[in-house]
Amino acid sequence: MANAQHIQRRSAHSSLLPAPARFIVGRDRRGSWIVQDRQGLVGGLFRNEAAALHFAAEECNHNPADICHAPEGVVLDLDGFPAASSNLH
């Protein structure tokens, strides 16, 4: 019975933690803006921060909790995405 109470408390506590943002917005090594999707479904390379934020907002139905900036000094890349034609937004 003690184990069951421990599991219930732990799952109740974890439900209070906020879910991580789905999209991370940051820069790559060349200074271009990148949007990475934690689910690996969409993302891209953008000319400026406004375009990157606009894309992320559209993808998550304008839910600000689903978008975060990469921490200072973190460099993003698109290595996990398949190569495509030059589709710079």
N, C-alpha and C. Protein backbone atom coordinates (compact mmCIF):
# COMPACT_ATOMS: atom_id res chain seq x y z
N MET A 1 0.83 -1.19 0.00
CA MET A 1 0.00 0.00 0.00
C MET A 1 0.87 1.25 0.00
N ALA A 2 1.97 1.23 0.70
CA ALA A 2 2.87 2.38 0.72
C ALA A 2 3.39 2.69 -0.68
N ASN A 3 3.68 1.67 -1.46
CA ASN A 3 4.15 1.89 -2.82
C ASN A 3 3.09 2.57 -3.68
N ALA A 4 1.84 2.18 -3.53
CA ALA A 4 0.76 2.78 -4.31
C ALA A 4 0.61 4.26 -3.96
N GLN A 5 0.73 4.60 -2.69
CA GLN A 5 0.63 6.01 -2.29
C GLN A 5 1.79 6.81 -2.86
N HIS A 6 2.97 6.23 -2.84
CA HIS A 6 4.15 6.90 -3.38
C HIS A 6 3.97 7.19 -4.87
N ILE A 7 3.48 6.22 -5.63
CA ILE A 7 3.26 6.41 -7.07
C ILE A 7 2.21 7.48 -7.32
N GLN A 8 1.13 7.47 -6.55
CA GLN A 8 0.09 8.48 -6.73
C GLN A 8 0.63 9.87 -6.45
N ARG A 9 1.40 10.04 -5.40
CA ARG A 9 1.96 11.36 -5.10
C ARG A 9 2.89 11.83 -6.20
N ARG A 10 3.73 10.91 -6.70
CA ARG A 10 4.68 11.29 -7.72
C ARG A 10 3.96 11.69 -9.01
N SER A 11 2.92 10.97 -9.42
CA SER A 11 2.23 11.31 -10.65
C SER A 11 1.42 12.59 -10.47
N ALA A 12 0.90 12.84 -9.27
CA ALA A 12 0.19 14.10 -9.03
C ALA A 12 1.16 15.27 -9.09
N HIS A 13 2.36 15.09 -8.56
CA HIS A 13 3.38 16.15 -8.61
C HIS A 13 3.81 16.42 -10.04
N SER A 14 4.03 15.36 -10.84
CA SER A 14 4.51 15.55 -12.20
C SER A 14 3.45 16.22 -13.08
N SER A 15 2.18 16.09 -12.75
CA SER A 15 1.15 16.75 -13.55
C SER A 15 1.15 18.26 -13.32
N LEU A 16 1.78 18.72 -12.23
CA LEU A 16 1.86 20.15 -11.96
C LEU A 16 2.99 20.83 -12.73
N LEU A 17 3.95 20.05 -13.22
CA LEU A 17 5.06 20.62 -13.97
C LEU A 17 4.61 21.03 -15.36
N PRO A 18 5.04 22.19 -15.85
CA PRO A 18 4.63 22.60 -17.19
C PRO A 18 5.29 21.72 -18.25
N ALA A 19 4.55 21.48 -19.32
CA ALA A 19 5.11 20.71 -20.44
C ALA A 19 6.16 21.56 -21.13
N PRO A 20 7.21 20.95 -21.64
CA PRO A 20 8.22 21.74 -22.35
C PRO A 20 7.63 22.33 -23.63
N ALA A 21 8.14 23.47 -24.02
CA ALA A 21 7.67 24.12 -25.24
C ALA A 21 7.92 23.21 -26.44
N ARG A 22 7.01 23.22 -27.38
CA ARG A 22 7.17 22.38 -28.57
C ARG A 22 8.24 22.92 -29.51
N PHE A 23 8.32 24.26 -29.65
CA PHE A 23 9.24 24.86 -30.59
C PHE A 23 10.34 25.63 -29.89
N ILE A 24 11.56 25.47 -30.38
CA ILE A 24 12.71 26.24 -29.91
C ILE A 24 13.16 27.14 -31.05
N VAL A 25 13.30 28.43 -30.75
CA VAL A 25 13.75 29.41 -31.74
C VAL A 25 15.13 29.89 -31.34
N GLY A 26 16.05 29.86 -32.28
CA GLY A 26 17.42 30.29 -32.00
C GLY A 26 18.20 30.49 -33.28
N ARG A 27 19.52 30.61 -33.15
CA ARG A 27 20.39 30.85 -34.30
C ARG A 27 21.31 29.67 -34.55
N ASP A 28 21.69 29.52 -35.83
CA ASP A 28 22.68 28.51 -36.17
C ASP A 28 24.07 29.14 -36.16
N ARG A 29 25.07 28.39 -36.56
CA ARG A 29 26.46 28.87 -36.54
C ARG A 29 26.69 30.07 -37.46
N ARG A 30 25.88 30.19 -38.50
CA ARG A 30 26.04 31.31 -39.44
C ARG A 30 25.21 32.53 -39.04
N GLY A 31 24.42 32.41 -37.99
CA GLY A 31 23.60 33.52 -37.54
C GLY A 31 22.19 33.53 -38.08
N SER A 32 21.84 32.53 -38.90
CA SER A 32 20.47 32.43 -39.42
C SER A 32 19.54 31.96 -38.30
N TRP A 33 18.29 32.30 -38.40
CA TRP A 33 17.30 31.91 -37.39
C TRP A 33 16.74 30.54 -37.72
N ILE A 34 16.59 29.72 -36.71
CA ILE A 34 16.10 28.35 -36.86
C ILE A 34 14.93 28.12 -35.91
N VAL A 35 13.96 27.35 -36.39
CA VAL A 35 12.89 26.84 -35.53
C VAL A 35 13.02 25.34 -35.52
N GLN A 36 13.15 24.77 -34.34
CA GLN A 36 13.20 23.32 -34.17
C GLN A 36 11.95 22.86 -33.42
N ASP A 37 11.36 21.81 -33.91
CA ASP A 37 10.19 21.19 -33.30
C ASP A 37 10.66 20.01 -32.46
N ARG A 38 10.35 19.99 -31.18
CA ARG A 38 10.78 18.88 -30.32
C ARG A 38 10.22 17.55 -30.80
N GLN A 39 9.10 17.58 -31.53
CA GLN A 39 8.51 16.35 -32.04
C GLN A 39 9.16 15.92 -33.36
N GLY A 40 10.01 16.78 -33.93
CA GLY A 40 10.70 16.45 -35.17
C GLY A 40 9.81 16.46 -36.40
N LEU A 41 8.67 17.14 -36.33
CA LEU A 41 7.73 17.13 -37.46
C LEU A 41 7.96 18.28 -38.43
N VAL A 42 8.23 19.46 -37.93
CA VAL A 42 8.43 20.63 -38.78
C VAL A 42 9.55 21.48 -38.21
N GLY A 43 9.98 22.42 -38.99
CA GLY A 43 11.03 23.33 -38.56
C GLY A 43 11.56 24.05 -39.79
N GLY A 44 12.53 24.91 -39.59
CA GLY A 44 13.07 25.57 -40.76
C GLY A 44 14.11 26.61 -40.44
N LEU A 45 14.63 27.17 -41.51
CA LEU A 45 15.65 28.20 -41.51
C LEU A 45 14.99 29.48 -41.98
N PHE A 46 15.22 30.60 -41.27
CA PHE A 46 14.50 31.83 -41.55
C PHE A 46 15.45 33.02 -41.65
N ARG A 47 15.04 34.03 -42.41
CA ARG A 47 15.86 35.23 -42.62
C ARG A 47 16.00 36.07 -41.36
N ASN A 48 14.95 36.08 -40.53
CA ASN A 48 15.00 36.92 -39.33
C ASN A 48 14.18 36.29 -38.21
N GLU A 49 14.32 36.85 -37.02
CA GLU A 49 13.63 36.32 -35.85
C GLU A 49 12.11 36.44 -35.99
N ALA A 50 11.64 37.54 -36.55
CA ALA A 50 10.19 37.73 -36.70
C ALA A 50 9.58 36.63 -37.56
N ALA A 51 10.25 36.26 -38.64
CA ALA A 51 9.74 35.20 -39.52
C ALA A 51 9.74 33.85 -38.78
N ALA A 52 10.79 33.59 -38.02
CA ALA A 52 10.87 32.34 -37.26
C ALA A 52 9.75 32.27 -36.22
N LEU A 53 9.55 33.35 -35.49
CA LEU A 53 8.49 33.37 -34.48
C LEU A 53 7.10 33.27 -35.10
N HIS A 54 6.91 33.91 -36.25
CA HIS A 54 5.63 33.84 -36.95
C HIS A 54 5.33 32.38 -37.35
N PHE A 55 6.33 31.71 -37.91
CA PHE A 55 6.16 30.31 -38.31
C PHE A 55 5.78 29.45 -37.10
N ALA A 56 6.55 29.57 -36.03
CA ALA A 56 6.28 28.76 -34.84
C ALA A 56 4.89 29.04 -34.28
N ALA A 57 4.50 30.32 -34.25
CA ALA A 57 3.17 30.68 -33.74
C ALA A 57 2.07 30.07 -34.59
N GLU A 58 2.22 30.11 -35.89
CA GLU A 58 1.21 29.52 -36.79
C GLU A 58 1.11 28.01 -36.57
N GLU A 59 2.24 27.36 -36.37
CA GLU A 59 2.27 25.91 -36.20
C GLU A 59 1.63 25.44 -34.89
N CYS A 60 1.67 26.28 -33.86
CA CYS A 60 1.12 25.86 -32.56
C CYS A 60 -0.16 26.61 -32.22
N ASN A 61 -0.81 27.15 -33.24
CA ASN A 61 -2.10 27.84 -33.03
C ASN A 61 -1.96 29.01 -32.06
N HIS A 62 -0.84 29.72 -32.16
CA HIS A 62 -0.56 30.94 -31.38
C HIS A 62 -0.59 30.72 -29.87
N ASN A 63 -0.13 29.54 -29.44
CA ASN A 63 -0.03 29.25 -28.01
C ASN A 63 1.38 29.62 -27.55
N PRO A 64 1.55 30.73 -26.82
CA PRO A 64 2.89 31.16 -26.43
C PRO A 64 3.64 30.16 -25.56
N ALA A 65 2.93 29.28 -24.87
CA ALA A 65 3.58 28.27 -24.03
C ALA A 65 4.31 27.22 -24.87
N ASP A 66 4.00 27.14 -26.15
CA ASP A 66 4.63 26.16 -27.03
C ASP A 66 5.87 26.69 -27.73
N ILE A 67 6.28 27.92 -27.44
CA ILE A 67 7.44 28.53 -28.11
C ILE A 67 8.40 29.05 -27.05
N CYS A 68 9.68 28.73 -27.23
CA CYS A 68 10.69 29.30 -26.34
C CYS A 68 11.94 29.63 -27.15
N HIS A 69 12.73 30.55 -26.64
CA HIS A 69 14.01 30.88 -27.26
C HIS A 69 15.07 29.94 -26.71
N ALA A 70 16.03 29.60 -27.54
CA ALA A 70 17.15 28.79 -27.09
C ALA A 70 17.92 29.59 -26.04
N PRO A 71 18.47 28.93 -25.04
CA PRO A 71 19.26 29.65 -24.03
C PRO A 71 20.45 30.38 -24.67
N GLU A 72 20.88 31.43 -24.03
CA GLU A 72 22.02 32.23 -24.50
C GLU A 72 23.23 31.32 -24.72
N GLY A 73 23.84 31.44 -25.88
CA GLY A 73 25.03 30.67 -26.20
C GLY A 73 24.78 29.32 -26.85
N VAL A 74 23.53 28.87 -26.90
CA VAL A 74 23.20 27.59 -27.53
C VAL A 74 23.06 27.79 -29.03
N VAL A 75 23.73 26.96 -29.80
CA VAL A 75 23.67 27.03 -31.26
C VAL A 75 22.78 25.89 -31.75
N LEU A 76 21.79 26.22 -32.56
CA LEU A 76 20.89 25.21 -33.12
C LEU A 76 21.37 24.79 -34.50
N ASP A 77 20.92 23.63 -34.95
CA ASP A 77 21.20 23.20 -36.32
C ASP A 77 20.03 22.38 -36.83
N LEU A 78 20.04 22.13 -38.12
CA LEU A 78 18.96 21.36 -38.74
C LEU A 78 19.43 19.98 -39.14
N ASP A 79 20.42 19.44 -38.47
CA ASP A 79 20.96 18.12 -38.83
C ASP A 79 19.90 17.03 -38.81
N GLY A 80 18.89 17.15 -37.98
CA GLY A 80 17.87 16.12 -37.87
C GLY A 80 16.82 16.18 -38.97
N PHE A 81 16.85 17.20 -39.80
CA PHE A 81 15.86 17.35 -40.85
C PHE A 81 16.40 16.88 -42.18
N PRO A 82 15.56 16.28 -43.03
CA PRO A 82 16.03 15.86 -44.33
C PRO A 82 16.39 17.06 -45.20
N ALA A 83 17.38 16.91 -46.02
CA ALA A 83 17.81 18.00 -46.92
C ALA A 83 16.71 18.28 -47.92
N ALA A 84 16.49 19.55 -48.19
CA ALA A 84 15.47 19.97 -49.16
C ALA A 84 16.05 21.06 -50.03
N SER A 85 15.26 21.44 -51.02
CA SER A 85 15.70 22.54 -51.87
C SER A 85 15.76 23.80 -51.04
N SER A 86 16.44 24.81 -51.52
CA SER A 86 16.58 26.06 -50.79
C SER A 86 15.22 26.72 -50.64
N ASN A 87 14.65 26.61 -49.46
CA ASN A 87 13.32 27.15 -49.19
C ASN A 87 13.44 28.08 -47.99
N LEU A 88 14.17 29.17 -48.16
CA LEU A 88 14.40 30.12 -47.10
C LEU A 88 13.21 31.05 -46.97
N HIS A 89 12.66 31.19 -45.77
CA HIS A 89 11.48 32.04 -45.55
C HIS A 89 11.88 33.37 -45.00
